[in-house]
Amino acid sequence: MPEKFTLAGVQMDPTLMDKEANLAGMIDSVEQSVARQARLVVFPECALTGYCFDSRQEALPHAESIPGPSTQLLAGLCHRTRAYLVVGMLEKDGDRCFNAAVLIGPEGVVGKYRKVHLPYLGVDRFVDPGDLGFGVHQTRLGRIGLNICYDGSFPESARTMALQGADIILLPTNWPTGAEEFAEFLVNARGLENKVYSVAVNRVGRERGFRFIGRSRIADPSGRTLALAGPEEEDIIFAEIDPSAARDKHITRVPGKHEINRFKDRRPRYYGKIVEASDSDWGSDSDSGVGSD
């Protein structure tokens, strides 16, 4: 059974199209976090590049392969500090471009995720829809699932990873003005309904007319808030993570009288509508366009 560890969420203000500056800030934040015994450090969506690109052509020069130059640099940092990192970036794969999050550890790149649900906002208007599904990555710290921002609006995303045994679901985000209710309620709901740790790490600052609202949050498997950042300032939030708390899904409130298990008590035969397309669907597996909603 994995041991308890400290997680750090870095609420930062990335600079659009300046990977060198953003990497320098990340390295400094990792050093600060490790000094406080953090073993997993999580950064926002598109932390490496910024988010509000105006075209695919503008974004592509800032995308990298995974592994690639930036992940190689960060892997060296992980090897030296013995920490794991989750970093939002743009991934280039041939002629395709994805809004991605990469999990890096002392051993190098552990895994990556490509954003599945794409809102009509920022670079998501121009990237390709993610095609890797919702995987769970086994690490020395425990089993880690990755989503990105708008994915958190779809409870099926987190549930799929929880069913694969995720202990913790990480959500790098770029929440702008208008996402306050999401920040307030849904992070905790994803933790409660799946009995996992739920972590959202947002950015702050302004970029091309958009203001980002911060409010990064760490919730435990009971849906309680363990750490919360403010709406304006760069910050690093910390919480202790106990993977064993996410693995026992059986909740006993009154032995023999009030016991629940949100996984054992599922009735999947009645859930078919969840995976049926509807007339209002904008996107599906058959979509061939870029930037589908």
C-alpha atoms as a PDB file:
ATOM      1  CA  MET A   1       0.000   0.000   0.000  1.00  0.00           C
ATOM      2  CA  PRO A   2       1.468   3.420  -0.950  1.00  0.00           C
ATOM      3  CA  GLU A   3       2.380   5.699   1.933  1.00  0.00           C
ATOM      4  CA  LYS A   4       0.956   9.128   2.690  1.00  0.00           C
ATOM      5  CA  PHE A   5       2.586  12.004   0.840  1.00  0.00           C
ATOM      6  CA  THR A   6       2.315  15.773   0.390  1.00  0.00           C
ATOM      7  CA  LEU A   7       0.819  17.232  -2.782  1.00  0.00           C
ATOM      8  CA  ALA A   8       1.457  20.801  -3.922  1.00  0.00           C
ATOM      9  CA  GLY A   9      -0.762  22.733  -6.338  1.00  0.00           C
ATOM     10  CA  VAL A  10       0.990  25.680  -8.010  1.00  0.00           C
ATOM     11  CA  GLN A  11      -1.415  28.486  -8.890  1.00  0.00           C
ATOM     12  CA  MET A  12       0.677  30.531 -11.315  1.00  0.00           C
ATOM     13  CA  ASP A  13       0.352  33.227 -13.987  1.00  0.00           C
ATOM     14  CA  PRO A  14       1.965  31.832 -17.146  1.00  0.00           C
ATOM     15  CA  THR A  15       3.215  34.173 -19.851  1.00  0.00           C
ATOM     16  CA  LEU A  16       1.745  33.543 -23.289  1.00  0.00           C
ATOM     17  CA  MET A  17       4.328  32.217 -25.777  1.00  0.00           C
ATOM     18  CA  ASP A  18       7.247  32.397 -23.331  1.00  0.00           C
ATOM     19  CA  LYS A  19       8.206  28.833 -22.428  1.00  0.00           C
ATOM     20  CA  GLU A  20      11.596  29.893 -21.084  1.00  0.00           C
ATOM     21  CA  ALA A  21      10.053  32.207 -18.477  1.00  0.00           C
ATOM     22  CA  ASN A  22       7.340  29.714 -17.608  1.00  0.00           C
ATOM     23  CA  LEU A  23       9.864  26.902 -17.137  1.00  0.00           C
ATOM     24  CA  ALA A  24      11.968  29.109 -14.879  1.00  0.00           C
ATOM     25  CA  GLY A  25       8.908  29.816 -12.747  1.00  0.00           C
ATOM     26  CA  MET A  26       8.022  26.130 -12.609  1.00  0.00           C
ATOM     27  CA  ILE A  27      11.499  25.142 -11.503  1.00  0.00           C
ATOM     28  CA  ASP A  28      11.409  27.718  -8.714  1.00  0.00           C
ATOM     29  CA  SER A  29       7.958  26.504  -7.606  1.00  0.00           C
ATOM     30  CA  VAL A  30       9.118  22.888  -7.564  1.00  0.00           C
ATOM     31  CA  GLU A  31      12.105  23.840  -5.417  1.00  0.00           C
ATOM     32  CA  GLN A  32       9.804  25.664  -2.982  1.00  0.00           C
ATOM     33  CA  SER A  33       7.368  22.758  -2.893  1.00  0.00           C
ATOM     34  CA  VAL A  34      10.020  20.105  -2.361  1.00  0.00           C
ATOM     35  CA  ALA A  35      11.461  22.196   0.467  1.00  0.00           C
ATOM     36  CA  ARG A  36       8.090  21.672   2.150  1.00  0.00           C
ATOM     37  CA  GLN A  37       8.289  17.910   1.554  1.00  0.00           C
ATOM     38  CA  ALA A  38       5.980  17.799  -1.482  1.00  0.00           C
ATOM     39  CA  ARG A  39       6.374  14.690  -3.637  1.00  0.00           C
ATOM     40  CA  LEU A  40       3.755  15.539  -6.277  1.00  0.00           C
ATOM     41  CA  VAL A  41       3.598  19.064  -7.752  1.00  0.00           C
ATOM     42  CA  VAL A  42       0.717  20.013 -10.054  1.00  0.00           C
ATOM     43  CA  PHE A  43       0.661  22.974 -12.470  1.00  0.00           C
ATOM     44  CA  PRO A  44      -2.257  24.527 -14.418  1.00  0.00           C
ATOM     45  CA  GLU A  45      -3.504  23.778 -17.911  1.00  0.00           C
ATOM     46  CA  CYS A  46      -1.156  25.132 -20.618  1.00  0.00           C
ATOM     47  CA  ALA A  47       1.234  26.299 -17.897  1.00  0.00           C
ATOM     48  CA  LEU A  48       4.164  25.874 -20.272  1.00  0.00           C
ATOM     49  CA  THR A  49       2.776  27.958 -23.135  1.00  0.00           C
ATOM     50  CA  GLY A  50      -0.169  30.085 -22.068  1.00  0.00           C
ATOM     51  CA  TYR A  51      -3.677  29.456 -23.381  1.00  0.00           C
ATOM     52  CA  CYS A  52      -5.262  32.279 -25.388  1.00  0.00           C
ATOM     53  CA  PHE A  53      -3.817  31.641 -28.829  1.00  0.00           C
ATOM     54  CA  ASP A  54      -5.718  33.199 -31.711  1.00  0.00           C
ATOM     55  CA  SER A  55      -5.115  30.477 -34.305  1.00  0.00           C
ATOM     56  CA  ARG A  56      -3.713  27.003 -34.786  1.00  0.00           C
ATOM     57  CA  GLN A  57      -0.854  28.522 -36.783  1.00  0.00           C
ATOM     58  CA  GLU A  58       0.059  30.754 -33.851  1.00  0.00           C
ATOM     59  CA  ALA A  59      -0.037  27.869 -31.382  1.00  0.00           C
ATOM     60  CA  LEU A  60       1.872  25.203 -33.342  1.00  0.00           C
ATOM     61  CA  PRO A  61       5.389  26.679 -32.953  1.00  0.00           C
ATOM     62  CA  HIS A  62       4.949  26.449 -29.176  1.00  0.00           C
ATOM     63  CA  ALA A  63       3.827  22.810 -29.162  1.00  0.00           C
ATOM     64  CA  GLU A  64       6.338  20.029 -28.412  1.00  0.00           C
ATOM     65  CA  SER A  65       6.499  16.286 -28.634  1.00  0.00           C
ATOM     66  CA  ILE A  66       6.167  14.218 -25.463  1.00  0.00           C
ATOM     67  CA  PRO A  67       8.888  13.324 -24.570  1.00  0.00           C
ATOM     68  CA  GLY A  68      10.558  16.481 -25.851  1.00  0.00           C
ATOM     69  CA  PRO A  69      12.898  19.313 -24.826  1.00  0.00           C
ATOM     70  CA  SER A  70      10.769  20.714 -21.975  1.00  0.00           C
ATOM     71  CA  THR A  71       9.755  17.356 -20.553  1.00  0.00           C
ATOM     72  CA  GLN A  72      13.396  16.237 -20.711  1.00  0.00           C
ATOM     73  CA  LEU A  73      14.443  19.287 -18.702  1.00  0.00           C
ATOM     74  CA  LEU A  74      11.684  18.691 -16.148  1.00  0.00           C
ATOM     75  CA  ALA A  75      12.552  14.990 -15.950  1.00  0.00           C
ATOM     76  CA  GLY A  76      16.041  16.003 -14.867  1.00  0.00           C
ATOM     77  CA  LEU A  77      14.499  18.164 -12.160  1.00  0.00           C
ATOM     78  CA  CYS A  78      12.336  15.242 -11.021  1.00  0.00           C
ATOM     79  CA  HIS A  79      15.350  12.932 -10.941  1.00  0.00           C
ATOM     80  CA  ARG A  80      17.236  15.394  -8.765  1.00  0.00           C
ATOM     81  CA  THR A  81      14.378  16.173  -6.374  1.00  0.00           C
ATOM     82  CA  ARG A  82      12.696  12.717  -6.451  1.00  0.00           C
ATOM     83  CA  ALA A  83       9.389  14.483  -7.089  1.00  0.00           C
ATOM     84  CA  TYR A  84       6.589  13.873  -9.589  1.00  0.00           C
ATOM     85  CA  LEU A  85       5.158  16.717 -11.684  1.00  0.00           C
ATOM     86  CA  VAL A  86       1.994  17.253 -13.710  1.00  0.00           C
ATOM     87  CA  VAL A  87       2.360  20.021 -16.291  1.00  0.00           C
ATOM     88  CA  GLY A  88      -0.124  21.415 -18.827  1.00  0.00           C
ATOM     89  CA  MET A  89       1.311  22.017 -22.306  1.00  0.00           C
ATOM     90  CA  LEU A  90       0.604  21.831 -26.031  1.00  0.00           C
ATOM     91  CA  GLU A  91       1.664  18.535 -27.575  1.00  0.00           C
ATOM     92  CA  LYS A  92       2.686  18.179 -31.212  1.00  0.00           C
ATOM     93  CA  ASP A  93       2.343  14.707 -32.730  1.00  0.00           C
ATOM     94  CA  GLY A  94       3.031  14.756 -36.465  1.00  0.00           C
ATOM     95  CA  ASP A  95       0.589  17.251 -37.945  1.00  0.00           C
ATOM     96  CA  ARG A  96      -1.697  17.014 -34.912  1.00  0.00           C
ATOM     97  CA  CYS A  97      -1.787  19.330 -31.900  1.00  0.00           C
ATOM     98  CA  PHE A  98      -3.321  18.536 -28.509  1.00  0.00           C
ATOM     99  CA  ASN A  99      -4.038  20.341 -25.254  1.00  0.00           C
ATOM    100  CA  ALA A 100      -2.148  17.907 -23.027  1.00  0.00           C
ATOM    101  CA  ALA A 101      -1.041  17.204 -19.494  1.00  0.00           C
ATOM    102  CA  VAL A 102       2.099  15.183 -18.851  1.00  0.00           C
ATOM    103  CA  LEU A 103       3.011  13.225 -15.720  1.00  0.00           C
ATOM    104  CA  ILE A 104       6.771  13.194 -15.121  1.00  0.00           C
ATOM    105  CA  GLY A 105       8.685  11.412 -12.370  1.00  0.00           C
ATOM    106  CA  PRO A 106      12.234  10.589 -11.356  1.00  0.00           C
ATOM    107  CA  GLU A 107      12.190   7.858 -14.023  1.00  0.00           C
ATOM    108  CA  GLY A 108      11.125  10.273 -16.799  1.00  0.00           C
ATOM    109  CA  VAL A 109       7.764  10.640 -18.548  1.00  0.00           C
ATOM    110  CA  VAL A 110       5.271   8.351 -16.814  1.00  0.00           C
ATOM    111  CA  GLY A 111       2.212   9.157 -18.923  1.00  0.00           C
ATOM    112  CA  LYS A 112       0.217  11.818 -20.671  1.00  0.00           C
ATOM    113  CA  TYR A 113      -3.381  12.841 -21.265  1.00  0.00           C
ATOM    114  CA  ARG A 114      -4.953  14.684 -24.194  1.00  0.00           C
ATOM    115  CA  LYS A 115      -7.995  16.833 -23.413  1.00  0.00           C
ATOM    116  CA  VAL A 116     -11.142  15.077 -24.616  1.00  0.00           C
ATOM    117  CA  HIS A 117     -13.821  17.740 -24.069  1.00  0.00           C
ATOM    118  CA  LEU A 118     -12.992  20.974 -25.891  1.00  0.00           C
ATOM    119  CA  PRO A 119     -14.861  24.210 -25.122  1.00  0.00           C
ATOM    120  CA  TYR A 120     -15.040  27.053 -27.615  1.00  0.00           C
ATOM    121  CA  LEU A 121     -12.369  29.055 -25.827  1.00  0.00           C
ATOM    122  CA  GLY A 122      -8.679  29.898 -26.233  1.00  0.00           C
ATOM    123  CA  VAL A 123      -6.458  27.356 -27.914  1.00  0.00           C
ATOM    124  CA  ASP A 124      -9.158  24.693 -27.520  1.00  0.00           C
ATOM    125  CA  ARG A 125     -10.859  26.206 -30.572  1.00  0.00           C
ATOM    126  CA  PHE A 126      -7.972  24.985 -32.720  1.00  0.00           C
ATOM    127  CA  VAL A 127      -6.489  21.807 -31.210  1.00  0.00           C
ATOM    128  CA  ASP A 128      -7.420  18.228 -32.054  1.00  0.00           C
ATOM    129  CA  PRO A 129      -9.788  16.324 -29.744  1.00  0.00           C
ATOM    130  CA  GLY A 130      -7.960  14.019 -27.357  1.00  0.00           C
ATOM    131  CA  ASP A 131      -7.762  10.389 -28.444  1.00  0.00           C
ATOM    132  CA  LEU A 132      -6.188   8.564 -25.492  1.00  0.00           C
ATOM    133  CA  GLY A 133      -9.269   8.200 -23.301  1.00  0.00           C
ATOM    134  CA  PHE A 134      -9.149   8.366 -19.514  1.00  0.00           C
ATOM    135  CA  GLY A 135      -6.192   6.340 -18.285  1.00  0.00           C
ATOM    136  CA  VAL A 136      -4.771   5.801 -14.811  1.00  0.00           C
ATOM    137  CA  HIS A 137      -1.024   5.862 -14.210  1.00  0.00           C
ATOM    138  CA  GLN A 138       0.651   3.670 -11.606  1.00  0.00           C
ATOM    139  CA  THR A 139       3.386   5.479  -9.659  1.00  0.00           C
ATOM    140  CA  ARG A 140       5.296   5.014  -6.422  1.00  0.00           C
ATOM    141  CA  LEU A 141       2.859   7.497  -4.889  1.00  0.00           C
ATOM    142  CA  GLY A 142      -0.294   5.703  -5.979  1.00  0.00           C
ATOM    143  CA  ARG A 143      -2.650   5.554  -8.956  1.00  0.00           C
ATOM    144  CA  ILE A 144      -3.054   8.920 -10.688  1.00  0.00           C
ATOM    145  CA  GLY A 145      -5.743   9.942 -13.173  1.00  0.00           C
ATOM    146  CA  LEU A 146      -5.562  13.055 -15.350  1.00  0.00           C
ATOM    147  CA  ASN A 147      -8.255  15.343 -16.771  1.00  0.00           C
ATOM    148  CA  ILE A 148      -7.999  18.914 -18.046  1.00  0.00           C
ATOM    149  CA  CYS A 149     -10.355  21.799 -17.184  1.00  0.00           C
ATOM    150  CA  TYR A 150     -13.645  21.323 -19.120  1.00  0.00           C
ATOM    151  CA  ASP A 151     -13.348  17.540 -18.700  1.00  0.00           C
ATOM    152  CA  GLY A 152     -14.366  18.076 -15.085  1.00  0.00           C
ATOM    153  CA  SER A 153     -17.826  19.165 -16.242  1.00  0.00           C
ATOM    154  CA  PHE A 154     -18.440  15.600 -17.407  1.00  0.00           C
ATOM    155  CA  PRO A 155     -18.749  13.249 -14.415  1.00  0.00           C
ATOM    156  CA  GLU A 156     -18.225  10.261 -16.711  1.00  0.00           C
ATOM    157  CA  SER A 157     -14.570  11.292 -17.057  1.00  0.00           C
ATOM    158  CA  ALA A 158     -13.735  11.002 -13.370  1.00  0.00           C
ATOM    159  CA  ARG A 159     -15.934   7.938 -12.873  1.00  0.00           C
ATOM    160  CA  THR A 160     -14.134   6.091 -15.674  1.00  0.00           C
ATOM    161  CA  MET A 161     -10.800   6.665 -13.953  1.00  0.00           C
ATOM    162  CA  ALA A 162     -12.185   5.814 -10.523  1.00  0.00           C
ATOM    163  CA  LEU A 163     -13.436   2.498 -11.917  1.00  0.00           C
ATOM    164  CA  GLN A 164      -9.869   1.837 -13.073  1.00  0.00           C
ATOM    165  CA  GLY A 165      -8.650   2.280  -9.502  1.00  0.00           C
ATOM    166  CA  ALA A 166      -7.517   5.922  -9.420  1.00  0.00           C
ATOM    167  CA  ASP A 167      -6.596   7.176  -5.949  1.00  0.00           C
ATOM    168  CA  ILE A 168      -6.362  10.779  -7.043  1.00  0.00           C
ATOM    169  CA  ILE A 169      -7.753  12.677 -10.034  1.00  0.00           C
ATOM    170  CA  LEU A 170      -5.823  15.775 -11.088  1.00  0.00           C
ATOM    171  CA  LEU A 171      -7.455  18.577 -13.067  1.00  0.00           C
ATOM    172  CA  PRO A 172      -5.083  21.250 -14.412  1.00  0.00           C
ATOM    173  CA  THR A 173      -7.380  24.122 -15.425  1.00  0.00           C
ATOM    174  CA  ASN A 174      -7.655  27.565 -16.966  1.00  0.00           C
ATOM    175  CA  TRP A 175     -10.933  28.709 -15.389  1.00  0.00           C
ATOM    176  CA  PRO A 176     -11.867  32.202 -16.581  1.00  0.00           C
ATOM    177  CA  THR A 177     -14.523  34.538 -15.230  1.00  0.00           C
ATOM    178  CA  GLY A 178     -17.817  32.647 -15.307  1.00  0.00           C
ATOM    179  CA  ALA A 179     -16.442  29.409 -13.855  1.00  0.00           C
ATOM    180  CA  GLU A 180     -16.788  30.431 -10.207  1.00  0.00           C
ATOM    181  CA  GLU A 181     -19.544  27.914  -9.432  1.00  0.00           C
ATOM    182  CA  PHE A 182     -17.528  25.098 -10.953  1.00  0.00           C
ATOM    183  CA  ALA A 183     -14.587  26.003  -8.747  1.00  0.00           C
ATOM    184  CA  GLU A 184     -16.848  26.194  -5.714  1.00  0.00           C
ATOM    185  CA  PHE A 185     -18.796  22.952  -6.053  1.00  0.00           C
ATOM    186  CA  LEU A 186     -17.733  20.421  -8.683  1.00  0.00           C
ATOM    187  CA  VAL A 187     -14.191  19.665  -7.521  1.00  0.00           C
ATOM    188  CA  ASN A 188     -15.558  18.458  -4.194  1.00  0.00           C
ATOM    189  CA  ALA A 189     -18.443  16.613  -5.872  1.00  0.00           C
ATOM    190  CA  ARG A 190     -16.030  14.625  -8.075  1.00  0.00           C
ATOM    191  CA  GLY A 191     -14.142  13.564  -4.949  1.00  0.00           C
ATOM    192  CA  LEU A 192     -17.261  12.666  -2.965  1.00  0.00           C
ATOM    193  CA  GLU A 193     -19.073  10.685  -5.659  1.00  0.00           C
ATOM    194  CA  ASN A 194     -15.976   8.649  -6.558  1.00  0.00           C
ATOM    195  CA  LYS A 195     -14.357   8.505  -3.100  1.00  0.00           C
ATOM    196  CA  VAL A 196     -11.049   9.777  -4.500  1.00  0.00           C
ATOM    197  CA  TYR A 197      -8.872  12.793  -3.922  1.00  0.00           C
ATOM    198  CA  SER A 198      -9.930  15.515  -6.360  1.00  0.00           C
ATOM    199  CA  VAL A 199      -7.453  18.276  -7.189  1.00  0.00           C
ATOM    200  CA  ALA A 200      -7.961  21.287  -9.461  1.00  0.00           C
ATOM    201  CA  VAL A 201      -5.052  23.657 -10.088  1.00  0.00           C
ATOM    202  CA  ASN A 202      -5.985  26.870 -11.873  1.00  0.00           C
ATOM    203  CA  ARG A 203      -4.056  29.880 -13.101  1.00  0.00           C
ATOM    204  CA  VAL A 204      -4.445  33.572 -12.315  1.00  0.00           C
ATOM    205  CA  GLY A 205      -3.762  36.766 -14.255  1.00  0.00           C
ATOM    206  CA  ARG A 206      -5.033  38.183 -17.527  1.00  0.00           C
ATOM    207  CA  GLU A 207      -4.398  37.049 -21.062  1.00  0.00           C
ATOM    208  CA  ARG A 208      -5.808  38.668 -24.214  1.00  0.00           C
ATOM    209  CA  GLY A 209      -8.872  40.039 -22.482  1.00  0.00           C
ATOM    210  CA  PHE A 210      -9.610  37.034 -20.267  1.00  0.00           C
ATOM    211  CA  ARG A 211      -9.201  37.081 -16.492  1.00  0.00           C
ATOM    212  CA  PHE A 212      -8.467  33.771 -14.785  1.00  0.00           C
ATOM    213  CA  ILE A 213     -10.047  33.230 -11.389  1.00  0.00           C
ATOM    214  CA  GLY A 214      -7.601  31.112  -9.369  1.00  0.00           C
ATOM    215  CA  ARG A 215      -9.417  29.244  -6.553  1.00  0.00           C
ATOM    216  CA  SER A 216      -7.280  26.119  -6.889  1.00  0.00           C
ATOM    217  CA  ARG A 217      -8.609  23.418  -4.594  1.00  0.00           C
ATOM    218  CA  ILE A 218      -7.753  20.044  -3.064  1.00  0.00           C
ATOM    219  CA  ALA A 219     -10.647  17.876  -1.841  1.00  0.00           C
ATOM    220  CA  ASP A 220     -10.487  14.573   0.022  1.00  0.00           C
ATOM    221  CA  PRO A 221     -12.476  11.384  -0.722  1.00  0.00           C
ATOM    222  CA  SER A 222     -15.290  12.631   1.502  1.00  0.00           C
ATOM    223  CA  GLY A 223     -15.622  15.816  -0.537  1.00  0.00           C
ATOM    224  CA  ARG A 224     -14.094  18.028   2.152  1.00  0.00           C
ATOM    225  CA  THR A 225     -11.798  20.879   1.135  1.00  0.00           C
ATOM    226  CA  LEU A 226      -8.252  20.320   2.348  1.00  0.00           C
ATOM    227  CA  ALA A 227      -6.655  23.390   0.747  1.00  0.00           C
ATOM    228  CA  LEU A 228      -7.908  26.397  -1.187  1.00  0.00           C
ATOM    229  CA  ALA A 229      -6.140  29.261  -2.980  1.00  0.00           C
ATOM    230  CA  GLY A 230      -7.470  32.777  -3.465  1.00  0.00           C
ATOM    231  CA  PRO A 231      -8.889  34.290  -6.668  1.00  0.00           C
ATOM    232  CA  GLU A 232      -6.124  36.734  -7.614  1.00  0.00           C
ATOM    233  CA  GLU A 233      -2.631  35.847  -6.434  1.00  0.00           C
ATOM    234  CA  GLU A 234      -0.044  33.268  -7.377  1.00  0.00           C
ATOM    235  CA  ASP A 235       0.146  30.707  -4.586  1.00  0.00           C
ATOM    236  CA  ILE A 236       1.142  27.150  -3.718  1.00  0.00           C
ATOM    237  CA  ILE A 237      -1.369  25.066  -1.775  1.00  0.00           C
ATOM    238  CA  PHE A 238      -0.469  21.866   0.081  1.00  0.00           C
ATOM    239  CA  ALA A 239      -2.315  18.847   1.436  1.00  0.00           C
ATOM    240  CA  GLU A 240      -1.477  15.409   2.763  1.00  0.00           C
ATOM    241  CA  ILE A 241      -2.703  12.581   0.534  1.00  0.00           C
ATOM    242  CA  ASP A 242      -3.420   9.094   1.918  1.00  0.00           C
ATOM    243  CA  PRO A 243      -4.079   6.731  -1.032  1.00  0.00           C
ATOM    244  CA  SER A 244      -5.578   4.095   1.270  1.00  0.00           C
ATOM    245  CA  ALA A 245      -8.440   6.490   2.059  1.00  0.00           C
ATOM    246  CA  ALA A 246      -9.508   6.313  -1.595  1.00  0.00           C
ATOM    247  CA  ARG A 247      -9.276   2.534  -1.933  1.00  0.00           C
ATOM    248  CA  ASP A 248     -11.844   1.364   0.593  1.00  0.00           C
ATOM    249  CA  LYS A 249     -15.151   2.312  -1.030  1.00  0.00           C
ATOM    250  CA  HIS A 250     -17.228   0.776   1.764  1.00  0.00           C
ATOM    251  CA  ILE A 251     -18.550   3.504   4.065  1.00  0.00           C
ATOM    252  CA  THR A 252     -19.970   2.333   7.403  1.00  0.00           C
ATOM    253  CA  ARG A 253     -21.960   4.928   9.327  1.00  0.00           C
ATOM    254  CA  VAL A 254     -23.997   2.606  11.569  1.00  0.00           C
ATOM    255  CA  PRO A 255     -22.724  -0.995  11.365  1.00  0.00           C
ATOM    256  CA  GLY A 256     -25.401  -3.308  10.042  1.00  0.00           C
ATOM    257  CA  LYS A 257     -27.861  -0.423   9.672  1.00  0.00           C
ATOM    258  CA  HIS A 258     -26.321   2.258   7.455  1.00  0.00           C
ATOM    259  CA  GLU A 259     -23.588   1.168   5.061  1.00  0.00           C
ATOM    260  CA  ILE A 260     -23.005   2.356   1.495  1.00  0.00           C
ATOM    261  CA  ASN A 261     -20.608   1.552  -1.324  1.00  0.00           C
ATOM    262  CA  ARG A 262     -21.030   3.818  -4.346  1.00  0.00           C
ATOM    263  CA  PHE A 263     -19.215   1.307  -6.543  1.00  0.00           C
ATOM    264  CA  LYS A 264     -20.727  -1.971  -5.357  1.00  0.00           C
ATOM    265  CA  ASP A 265     -24.196  -0.367  -5.347  1.00  0.00           C
ATOM    266  CA  ARG A 266     -23.982   0.752  -8.978  1.00  0.00           C
ATOM    267  CA  ARG A 267     -26.647  -0.491 -11.478  1.00  0.00           C
ATOM    268  CA  PRO A 268     -24.885  -0.141 -14.858  1.00  0.00           C
ATOM    269  CA  ARG A 269     -27.677  -1.894 -16.784  1.00  0.00           C
ATOM    270  CA  TYR A 270     -29.753   1.273 -16.355  1.00  0.00           C
ATOM    271  CA  TYR A 271     -27.059   3.725 -17.468  1.00  0.00           C
ATOM    272  CA  GLY A 272     -27.217   3.182 -21.215  1.00  0.00           C
ATOM    273  CA  LYS A 273     -28.524   6.666 -21.990  1.00  0.00           C
ATOM    274  CA  ILE A 274     -25.246   8.136 -20.758  1.00  0.00           C
ATOM    275  CA  VAL A 275     -23.377   6.802 -23.791  1.00  0.00           C
ATOM    276  CA  GLU A 276     -26.082   7.379 -26.387  1.00  0.00           C
ATOM    277  CA  ALA A 277     -25.632  10.304 -28.768  1.00  0.00           C
ATOM    278  CA  SER A 278     -28.412  12.879 -28.822  1.00  0.00           C
ATOM    279  CA  ASP A 279     -29.611  15.377 -31.412  1.00  0.00           C
ATOM    280  CA  SER A 280     -27.974  18.159 -29.409  1.00  0.00           C
ATOM    281  CA  ASP A 281     -24.504  16.554 -29.470  1.00  0.00           C
ATOM    282  CA  TRP A 282     -21.861  18.753 -31.119  1.00  0.00           C
ATOM    283  CA  GLY A 283     -19.143  16.150 -30.965  1.00  0.00           C
ATOM    284  CA  SER A 284     -18.795  12.393 -31.266  1.00  0.00           C
ATOM    285  CA  ASP A 285     -16.195   9.759 -32.088  1.00  0.00           C
ATOM    286  CA  SER A 286     -16.972  10.285 -35.752  1.00  0.00           C
ATOM    287  CA  ASP A 287     -16.069  13.984 -35.706  1.00  0.00           C
ATOM    288  CA  SER A 288     -13.362  14.817 -38.206  1.00  0.00           C
ATOM    289  CA  GLY A 289     -13.125  18.532 -37.535  1.00  0.00           C
ATOM    290  CA  VAL A 290     -10.624  20.313 -35.328  1.00  0.00           C
ATOM    291  CA  GLY A 291     -11.711  22.120 -32.205  1.00  0.00           C
ATOM    292  CA  SER A 292     -15.034  20.310 -31.818  1.00  0.00           C
ATOM    293  CA  ASP A 293     -17.040  21.429 -28.795  1.00  0.00           C
END
